[in-house]
Protein backbone atom coordinates (compact mmCIF):
# COMPACT_ATOMS: atom_id res chain seq x y z
CA MET A 1 -113.68 79.30 132.51
CA THR A 2 -113.51 78.46 136.20
CA PRO A 3 -115.59 75.36 136.96
CA VAL A 4 -118.93 75.84 138.69
CA ILE A 5 -119.37 73.67 141.79
CA ALA A 6 -123.08 73.03 142.28
CA HIS A 7 -123.38 73.44 146.06
CA ARG A 8 -125.61 70.65 147.40
CA GLY A 9 -126.78 70.34 143.80
CA ASN A 10 -128.91 73.08 142.28
CA SER A 11 -130.00 73.98 145.78
CA SER A 12 -131.62 77.29 144.86
CA ALA A 13 -134.08 75.47 142.60
CA ALA A 14 -134.65 72.13 144.37
CA PRO A 15 -134.23 70.69 147.88
CA GLU A 16 -130.54 70.49 148.77
CA ASN A 17 -128.68 67.17 148.71
CA THR A 18 -131.59 65.33 147.06
CA PHE A 19 -131.78 63.48 143.76
CA ALA A 20 -134.02 66.31 142.53
CA SER A 21 -131.32 68.86 143.28
CA PHE A 22 -128.51 66.89 141.65
CA GLU A 23 -130.64 66.08 138.60
CA SER A 24 -131.46 69.78 138.28
CA ALA A 25 -127.77 70.70 138.53
CA ILE A 26 -126.91 68.30 135.72
CA ALA A 27 -129.82 69.59 133.63
CA VAL A 28 -128.44 73.15 133.75
CA GLY A 29 -124.98 71.98 132.72
CA ALA A 30 -123.10 71.39 135.98
CA THR A 31 -120.44 68.70 135.76
CA LEU A 32 -119.11 69.18 139.30
CA VAL A 33 -121.40 68.86 142.33
CA GLU A 34 -120.82 69.16 146.05
CA CYS A 35 -122.65 67.09 148.65
CA ASP A 36 -122.46 66.39 152.39
CA VAL A 37 -122.46 63.15 154.36
CA GLN A 38 -123.35 62.07 157.88
CA MET A 39 -123.65 58.57 159.42
CA THR A 40 -126.72 56.83 160.82
CA ALA A 41 -126.84 54.90 164.08
CA ASP A 42 -126.56 51.62 162.16
CA GLY A 43 -123.51 52.74 160.24
CA HIS A 44 -124.88 53.88 156.87
CA ILE A 45 -123.36 56.89 155.12
CA VAL A 46 -126.18 59.23 154.10
CA VAL A 47 -126.29 62.39 152.01
CA ILE A 48 -127.48 65.21 154.26
CA HIS A 49 -125.87 68.42 155.49
CA ASP A 50 -127.21 68.78 159.02
CA PRO A 51 -126.82 66.17 161.74
CA THR A 52 -130.59 66.45 162.28
CA LEU A 53 -133.62 66.13 160.02
CA ASP A 54 -135.28 69.21 161.48
CA ARG A 55 -134.47 71.93 158.92
CA THR A 56 -135.08 70.19 155.61
CA SER A 57 -137.68 67.49 156.35
CA ASP A 58 -141.14 66.86 157.73
CA ARG A 59 -139.68 65.17 160.80
CA THR A 60 -137.26 65.87 163.61
CA GLY A 61 -134.44 63.79 165.02
CA ASP A 62 -130.70 63.33 165.04
CA VAL A 63 -129.52 61.29 162.06
CA ARG A 64 -126.71 59.86 164.17
CA THR A 65 -129.17 58.26 166.60
CA LEU A 66 -131.58 56.96 163.94
CA THR A 67 -131.38 53.89 161.73
CA LEU A 68 -131.27 54.20 157.97
CA SER A 69 -134.88 53.04 157.82
CA GLU A 70 -135.93 55.76 160.25
CA VAL A 71 -134.00 58.41 158.33
CA ARG A 72 -135.58 57.31 155.05
CA ALA A 73 -139.03 57.68 156.58
CA ALA A 74 -138.51 61.44 156.49
CA ASP A 75 -139.49 63.51 153.46
CA VAL A 76 -136.47 65.77 152.87
CA SER A 77 -138.19 67.88 150.22
CA TYR A 78 -137.50 70.97 152.38
CA PRO A 79 -141.18 71.83 152.86
CA GLN A 80 -140.43 75.05 154.75
CA ARG A 81 -138.83 76.41 151.58
CA PHE A 82 -140.39 74.52 148.66
CA GLY A 83 -143.76 73.44 150.07
CA ALA A 84 -144.98 70.23 148.43
CA GLN A 85 -143.39 70.96 145.04
CA PHE A 86 -140.78 68.19 145.25
CA SER A 87 -142.45 65.86 147.75
CA PRO A 88 -141.53 63.18 148.47
CA GLN A 89 -137.72 63.13 148.55
CA ARG A 90 -135.83 60.52 150.56
CA VAL A 91 -132.33 60.70 151.98
CA ALA A 92 -129.90 58.90 149.68
CA THR A 93 -127.01 56.76 150.77
CA LEU A 94 -123.59 57.73 149.50
CA GLY A 95 -123.47 54.56 147.40
CA GLU A 96 -126.79 55.41 145.75
CA LEU A 97 -125.69 58.94 144.95
CA LEU A 98 -122.37 57.84 143.46
CA GLU A 99 -124.23 55.38 141.24
CA PHE A 100 -126.70 58.11 140.23
CA LEU A 101 -123.92 60.52 139.28
CA LYS A 102 -121.51 58.02 137.70
CA GLY A 103 -120.54 59.20 134.23
CA ARG A 104 -122.71 62.32 134.63
CA ALA A 105 -120.93 64.55 137.15
CA ARG A 106 -117.88 64.55 139.39
CA VAL A 107 -118.37 64.82 143.15
CA MET A 108 -116.81 67.00 145.83
CA LEU A 109 -117.73 65.10 148.98
CA GLU A 110 -117.84 67.13 152.17
CA ILE A 111 -117.33 64.91 155.21
CA LYS A 112 -119.17 66.53 158.10
CA LYS A 113 -117.39 66.66 161.43
CA GLU A 114 -120.51 65.93 163.51
CA SER A 115 -120.45 62.23 162.59
CA SER A 116 -116.73 61.79 163.23
CA LEU A 117 -115.57 60.41 166.57
CA ALA A 118 -112.27 61.23 168.23
CA ASP A 119 -111.61 57.61 169.25
CA ASP A 120 -113.17 55.71 166.33
CA ASP A 121 -112.67 56.07 162.58
CA ALA A 122 -115.77 54.04 161.61
CA PHE A 123 -117.32 57.03 159.80
CA GLU A 124 -114.26 57.60 157.67
CA ARG A 125 -113.69 53.88 157.02
CA ARG A 126 -117.24 53.43 155.79
CA ILE A 127 -116.98 56.43 153.47
CA ALA A 128 -113.81 55.00 151.94
CA ALA A 129 -115.45 51.59 151.59
CA GLU A 130 -118.49 53.06 149.83
CA ILE A 131 -116.32 54.95 147.36
CA VAL A 132 -114.29 51.83 146.56
CA ARG A 133 -117.44 49.70 146.30
CA SER A 134 -119.06 52.17 143.89
CA GLY A 135 -116.34 51.65 141.30
CA VAL A 136 -116.06 55.36 140.50
CA ARG A 137 -112.71 56.54 139.19
CA VAL A 138 -110.41 57.86 141.93
CA THR A 139 -107.26 59.63 140.76
CA ASP A 140 -104.87 61.99 142.48
CA ASP A 141 -105.79 64.96 140.29
CA MET A 142 -108.75 67.19 139.71
CA GLU A 143 -110.14 64.94 136.98
CA THR A 144 -111.04 62.40 139.67
CA ASP A 145 -114.68 61.39 139.99
CA VAL A 146 -114.53 62.00 143.75
CA ALA A 147 -112.59 64.59 145.74
CA LEU A 148 -112.79 64.77 149.54
CA LEU A 149 -113.56 67.94 151.49
CA SER A 150 -113.77 68.74 155.18
CA PHE A 151 -113.32 71.56 157.66
CA SER A 152 -111.77 68.94 159.96
CA THR A 153 -108.04 68.33 159.74
CA SER A 154 -108.33 65.05 161.65
CA ILE A 155 -110.94 63.70 159.22
CA LEU A 156 -108.75 64.49 156.23
CA GLU A 157 -105.73 62.92 157.96
CA ARG A 158 -107.73 59.72 158.36
CA MET A 159 -108.89 59.81 154.75
CA ALA A 160 -105.29 60.26 153.59
CA VAL A 161 -104.55 56.85 155.11
CA LEU A 162 -107.78 55.13 154.09
CA LEU A 163 -108.07 56.45 150.53
CA PRO A 164 -104.72 58.01 149.67
CA ASP A 165 -105.37 58.42 145.93
CA ALA A 166 -108.41 60.65 146.41
CA PRO A 167 -107.48 64.35 146.31
CA ARG A 168 -108.17 66.16 149.56
CA GLY A 169 -109.37 69.74 149.86
CA HIS A 170 -109.32 71.48 153.22
CA LEU A 171 -112.23 73.86 153.81
CA PHE A 172 -111.72 77.02 155.86
CA TYR A 173 -113.80 79.93 157.09
CA ARG A 174 -111.55 82.99 157.40
CA ASP A 175 -108.92 81.20 159.44
CA PRO A 176 -105.47 82.76 159.85
CA GLU A 177 -103.30 82.13 156.81
CA GLU A 178 -100.62 80.41 158.86
CA LEU A 179 -103.17 77.93 160.19
CA ILE A 180 -104.47 77.28 156.67
CA PHE A 181 -101.10 76.24 155.29
CA ILE A 182 -100.12 74.22 158.36
CA ALA A 183 -103.37 72.25 158.20
CA ALA A 184 -103.11 71.76 154.43
CA ALA A 185 -99.62 70.33 154.82
CA ARG A 186 -100.73 67.98 157.62
CA VAL A 187 -103.39 66.35 155.44
CA GLY A 188 -101.39 66.37 152.21
CA ALA A 189 -104.05 68.54 150.58
CA ARG A 190 -104.08 69.00 146.84
CA PHE A 191 -106.12 72.18 147.24
CA ILE A 192 -107.54 74.52 149.85
CA MET A 193 -111.04 75.96 149.86
CA PRO A 194 -111.36 79.11 151.94
CA GLU A 195 -114.58 81.10 152.06
CA LYS A 196 -114.63 83.73 149.31
CA GLY A 197 -114.24 86.64 151.73
CA HIS A 198 -110.84 85.35 152.81
CA LEU A 199 -109.28 85.21 149.36
CA SER A 200 -106.39 87.64 149.14
CA PRO A 201 -103.31 88.19 146.97
CA SER A 202 -101.16 86.96 149.85
CA LEU A 203 -103.12 83.73 150.26
CA LEU A 204 -103.14 83.05 146.52
CA ASP A 205 -99.41 83.70 146.25
CA ARG A 206 -98.62 81.40 149.17
CA ALA A 207 -100.83 78.67 147.73
CA LYS A 208 -99.01 78.89 144.41
CA LEU A 209 -95.64 78.60 146.13
CA ALA A 210 -96.92 75.57 148.06
CA ASN A 211 -98.22 73.98 144.85
CA LEU A 212 -101.77 74.07 146.21
CA GLY A 213 -104.83 74.73 144.11
CA VAL A 214 -107.47 77.10 145.47
CA ALA A 215 -111.25 76.84 145.22
CA THR A 216 -113.86 78.83 147.13
CA TRP A 217 -117.48 79.00 148.35
CA VAL A 218 -120.31 80.20 148.10
CA CYS A 219 -120.94 82.84 145.42
CA ASP A 220 -124.46 83.46 144.14
CA ASP A 221 -123.93 86.82 142.42
CA PRO A 222 -123.03 86.54 138.70
CA ALA A 223 -120.93 89.73 138.64
CA GLU A 224 -118.97 88.64 141.71
CA PHE A 225 -118.60 85.16 140.21
CA ARG A 226 -117.00 86.60 137.08
CA LYS A 227 -114.55 88.62 139.21
CA LEU A 228 -113.58 85.47 141.12
CA CYS A 229 -113.04 83.67 137.81
CA ALA A 230 -110.18 86.08 137.09
CA LEU A 231 -108.26 84.63 140.07
CA GLY A 232 -107.56 81.30 138.36
CA LEU A 233 -109.42 79.16 140.89
CA LEU A 234 -110.06 75.42 140.62
CA GLY A 235 -113.76 75.98 141.17
CA ILE A 236 -116.38 78.21 142.78
CA GLY A 237 -119.26 76.85 144.83
CA THR A 238 -122.69 78.29 144.10
CA ASN A 239 -126.31 77.57 144.92
CA HIS A 240 -127.24 78.96 141.47
CA PRO A 241 -125.23 76.93 138.94
CA GLU A 242 -127.39 77.83 135.95
CA GLY A 243 -125.55 80.37 133.81
CA MET A 244 -123.38 81.54 136.72
CA ALA A 245 -120.13 81.64 134.74
CA GLU A 246 -121.60 82.94 131.50
CA GLU A 247 -120.15 86.10 130.02
CA PRO A 248 -122.30 89.21 130.56
CA PRO A 249 -124.36 90.33 127.55
CA ALA A 250 -122.72 92.84 125.24
CA SER A 251 -123.78 96.41 125.95
């Protein structure tokens, strides 16, 4: 069965990218979770998708211009969606999340381009340092405890230098096939991760010839998920990890 990738944890049932969401994902059987990281003004790597607190917290502000202490003051229990059900939830650092998940689930770490600077690799260096410091197992295969994802080719090129043993997966949103394979080669990707609507026989055939695995995102429909499973993918991202890959009941 194709592995389920719990997108931002069990984000349909609990606030995304929080301990509550990752705990929920593990509770429903997920062994592979995806999360996102940005960097604070004082150089801490934090687990949050957006560069601002506005959407998922009770505060506003750009994470990149706030200190870790200021970011942690926010309650990221996504009150607009979940009310007070999960309050309070605090933004985790990458180190804290890796410790929380160690031995419980493997991580697909999406490195967000908003915190990356063209003339400074501090963001990428600090991510690599946190992974090394955590002591999680890093191997150049899909059994690794941490794989690296990004839509940014330049970020993945930097990570190839800083943490060469960690497998890299290049994310894409319906980009031209030629661009996909050029970018994957530039970063030495082990796999590519195009959006599900861009999967095609041509892309899958070219990936096989290039010795690239293929994963995809985000599928929340069980019937569609089962169809995607037939493609032999490395994993499928979903906001609904519970039971997503189960066989349909007998008629």
